[in-house]
Each structure stands twice: as C-alpha cells, then as structure tokens.
C-alpha cells in the first residue's frame, strides 16, 4: 500500500461522483421547470416553428419530468436557439441561490417594495455608495440609535422632574 488507503480513495471518489450526479439531476429538474414555465407562457421552446411539432415535443418533455438523462438529451436535440443562453443564465442563477442558501451568511431573502420606496432607497444607496442591503442595515442602525437616544432623554427628563419636585 502507498501513502493512502485505496478504499478511502474509492470512497472519496464515489462521494464526489454522487454529489455531482445529485447536482446534475437537480439541475435537470430546474431546466425542466424553466422550459415548462416558458411553454405555459406561450413561448416556442423547441427549434421547430411548426406549432404542432412544438406541442408534440413539449408534451414529450412534459412526460419525462423525472428522468434527468432524457431531459438533457431532449434539450440538446430540440431546444430553441433563442433559449440556450437564457436557460444557461437561469440555471446559473438558480445554482448560485441553491449554494448560497446552504450557508446562513450568504442566504438571501426577497422583499417586495413599492416602486417609489425602491426608487428612494436606490437613490440613497447611490449617494452613500452602498448596496441596497448595506443602506437598509445602516437605516436600521440609525433608527436603533435614535430610539436609544430618545429613551435616555426621557430618563433624564424624568430624573430632572423628580429632582425638581423634591
């Protein structure tokens, strides 16, 4: 035996392969969901511009939902050239969100803002040369400091009133 035990090496290789395979299967599911959404929105998802042919192949894709190898094969054979880059971008974004969600420090949350609120926040962020998140944190910290200051002032005011009464 060499420096490493061969069974340990095989185990590590197997784990890496399984993790990669799991990710590959997960991404095939994401691709399927993306294409089904596009199809339901009325887009041609195949490279064929004849509606009946597009519908037939879309139905075929729909029937292979839980078969990652067939999904990838379908994509390589029939995907519309207009969707190649968009699909890659969507999967890259989804992958990033997936891996970021594994760690508390990189996990993201979405919030809905009225347009006017977003616009004001965006302008403030640009003036302060900060991201939207950094600006929100700073505004929260400022509000917390203001609350502490107001509490101290009230305490001092009450103490002065007590002293003056005596």
Protein backbone atom coordinates (compact mmCIF):
# COMPACT_ATOMS: atom_id res chain seq x y z
CA UNK A 1 0.00 0.00 0.00
CA UNK A 2 1.06 3.51 -0.70
CA UNK A 3 0.55 6.60 1.40
CA UNK A 4 -3.25 6.47 1.01
CA UNK A 5 -5.58 3.54 1.56
CA UNK A 6 -7.20 2.60 -1.79
CA UNK A 7 -10.61 2.02 -0.19
CA UNK A 8 -10.53 5.57 1.23
CA UNK A 9 -9.69 6.97 -2.21
CA UNK A 10 -12.55 4.98 -3.76
CA UNK A 11 -14.92 6.29 -1.08
CA UNK A 12 -13.92 9.91 -1.73
CA UNK A 13 -14.27 9.44 -5.50
CA UNK A 14 -17.66 7.79 -5.04
CA UNK A 15 -18.86 10.62 -2.75
CA UNK A 16 -17.72 13.25 -5.25
CA UNK A 17 -19.39 11.39 -8.11
CA UNK A 18 -22.64 11.02 -6.14
CA UNK A 19 -22.66 14.69 -5.20
CA UNK A 20 -22.04 15.66 -8.83
CA UNK A 21 -24.75 13.26 -10.02
CA UNK A 22 -27.19 14.66 -7.46
CA UNK A 23 -26.47 18.21 -8.67
CA UNK A 24 -26.81 17.11 -12.29
CA UNK A 25 -30.21 15.57 -11.54
CA UNK A 26 -31.31 18.64 -9.61
CA UNK A 27 -30.30 20.93 -12.47
CA UNK A 28 -32.16 18.77 -14.98
CA UNK A 29 -35.27 19.30 -12.85
CA UNK A 30 -34.66 23.06 -12.82
CA UNK A 31 -34.27 23.04 -16.60
CA UNK A 32 -37.50 21.08 -16.96
CA UNK A 33 -39.35 23.58 -14.72
CA UNK A 34 -37.93 26.55 -16.64
CA UNK A 35 -38.94 25.11 -20.01
CA UNK A 36 -42.41 24.12 -18.81
CA UNK A 37 -42.93 27.66 -17.48
CA UNK A 38 -41.83 29.15 -20.81
CA UNK A 39 -44.14 26.78 -22.65
CA UNK A 40 -47.12 27.70 -20.45
CA UNK A 41 -46.35 31.38 -21.12
CA UNK A 42 -46.82 30.64 -24.82
CA UNK A 43 -43.17 30.57 -25.97
CA UNK A 44 -41.92 28.08 -28.54
CA UNK A 45 -39.35 26.09 -26.58
CA UNK A 46 -38.23 23.92 -29.48
CA UNK A 47 -36.19 24.84 -32.51
CA UNK A 48 -39.16 23.85 -34.67
CA UNK A 49 -41.51 26.66 -35.64
CA UNK A 50 -44.43 24.44 -36.62
CA UNK A 51 -46.89 24.65 -33.74
CA UNK A 52 -47.98 21.00 -33.87
CA UNK A 53 -44.38 19.76 -33.81
CA UNK A 54 -43.51 22.13 -30.94
CA UNK A 55 -46.56 20.96 -28.97
CA UNK A 56 -45.75 17.29 -29.58
CA UNK A 57 -42.14 17.69 -28.39
CA UNK A 58 -43.25 19.83 -25.44
CA UNK A 59 -45.63 17.03 -24.42
CA UNK A 60 -42.76 14.58 -24.75
CA UNK A 61 -40.64 16.78 -22.46
CA UNK A 62 -43.52 17.01 -20.01
CA UNK A 63 -43.74 13.22 -19.83
CA UNK A 64 -40.05 12.78 -18.93
CA UNK A 65 -40.15 15.07 -15.87
CA UNK A 66 -38.33 12.66 -13.52
CA UNK A 67 -35.74 11.38 -15.99
CA UNK A 68 -32.71 13.73 -15.92
CA UNK A 69 -30.78 11.93 -18.65
CA UNK A 70 -33.72 12.12 -21.04
CA UNK A 71 -34.34 15.78 -20.17
CA UNK A 72 -30.73 16.69 -21.01
CA UNK A 73 -30.91 14.63 -24.19
CA UNK A 74 -34.18 16.36 -25.18
CA UNK A 75 -32.60 19.77 -24.56
CA UNK A 76 -29.54 19.01 -26.67
CA UNK A 77 -31.71 17.77 -29.55
CA UNK A 78 -34.73 20.09 -29.56
CA UNK A 79 -34.13 23.31 -27.57
CA UNK A 80 -34.81 26.58 -29.34
CA UNK A 81 -31.58 28.50 -30.06
CA UNK A 82 -33.30 31.58 -28.60
CA UNK A 83 -33.49 29.86 -25.20
CA UNK A 84 -29.97 28.39 -24.98
CA UNK A 85 -28.36 31.42 -23.32
CA UNK A 86 -31.45 32.26 -21.25
CA UNK A 87 -31.66 28.71 -19.93
CA UNK A 88 -27.96 28.72 -19.01
CA UNK A 89 -28.35 32.05 -17.21
CA UNK A 90 -31.43 30.86 -15.33
CA UNK A 91 -29.69 27.67 -14.21
CA UNK A 92 -26.53 29.54 -13.19
CA UNK A 93 -28.62 31.92 -11.07
CA UNK A 94 -30.60 29.06 -9.55
CA UNK A 95 -27.37 27.15 -8.77
CA UNK A 96 -25.92 30.23 -7.07
CA UNK A 97 -29.05 30.71 -4.95
CA UNK A 98 -29.03 26.99 -4.11
CA UNK A 99 -25.42 27.03 -2.86
CA UNK A 100 -25.81 30.39 -1.13
CA UNK A 101 -28.81 29.01 0.76
CA UNK A 102 -26.57 26.36 2.35
CA UNK A 103 -24.82 29.00 4.48
CA UNK A 104 -26.59 31.43 6.77
CA UNK A 105 -24.20 34.26 5.85
CA UNK A 106 -24.91 34.02 2.12
CA UNK A 107 -28.61 33.19 2.30
CA UNK A 108 -30.77 35.75 0.52
CA UNK A 109 -34.34 36.82 1.09
CA UNK A 110 -36.56 38.79 -1.22
CA UNK A 111 -38.89 41.59 -0.22
CA UNK A 112 -41.50 43.43 -2.24
CA UNK A 113 -41.26 47.20 -2.23
CA UNK A 114 -43.50 49.83 -3.70
CA UNK A 115 -41.75 51.38 -6.70
CA UNK A 116 -41.48 54.79 -5.02
CA UNK A 117 -39.87 53.22 -1.92
CA UNK A 118 -37.38 51.28 -4.04
CA UNK A 119 -36.57 54.44 -6.00
CA UNK A 120 -35.86 56.46 -2.83
CA UNK A 121 -33.80 53.64 -1.34
CA UNK A 122 -31.87 53.26 -4.58
CA UNK A 123 -31.06 57.00 -4.72
CA UNK A 124 -29.95 56.97 -1.09
CA UNK A 125 -27.75 53.92 -1.74
CA UNK A 126 -26.09 55.62 -4.69
CA UNK A 127 -25.44 58.80 -2.67
CA UNK A 128 -23.90 56.74 0.13
CA UNK A 129 -22.10 54.46 -2.37
CA UNK A 130 -23.51 51.36 -0.70
CA UNK A 131 -25.60 48.38 -1.76
CA UNK A 132 -29.31 48.33 -1.01
CA UNK A 133 -28.72 45.82 1.79
CA UNK A 134 -25.96 47.93 3.35
CA UNK A 135 -28.19 51.01 3.18
CA UNK A 136 -31.08 49.19 4.85
CA UNK A 137 -28.76 47.97 7.63
CA UNK A 138 -27.46 51.49 8.13
CA UNK A 139 -31.01 52.90 8.31
CA UNK A 140 -31.97 50.25 10.87
CA UNK A 141 -28.88 51.00 12.97
CA UNK A 142 -29.63 54.74 12.78
CA UNK A 143 -33.22 54.11 13.93
CA UNK A 144 -31.99 51.92 16.82
CA UNK A 145 -29.54 54.64 17.90
CA UNK A 146 -32.32 57.24 17.71
CA UNK A 147 -34.54 55.03 19.92
CA UNK A 148 -31.72 54.63 22.49
CA UNK A 149 -31.13 58.38 22.48
CA UNK A 150 -34.85 59.13 22.92
CA UNK A 151 -35.02 56.64 25.81
CA UNK A 152 -32.03 58.30 27.52
CA UNK A 153 -33.57 61.75 27.07
CA UNK A 154 -36.86 60.55 28.61
CA UNK A 155 -34.98 59.00 31.53
CA UNK A 156 -33.04 62.24 32.09
CA UNK A 157 -36.23 64.31 31.81
CA UNK A 158 -37.96 62.09 34.39
CA UNK A 159 -34.94 62.28 36.71
CA UNK A 160 -34.87 66.10 36.46
CA UNK A 161 -38.61 66.29 37.15
CA UNK A 162 -38.14 64.07 40.23
CA UNK A 163 -35.28 66.28 41.48
CA UNK A 164 -37.29 69.48 40.95
CA UNK A 165 -40.29 68.02 42.82
CA UNK A 166 -38.16 67.39 45.88
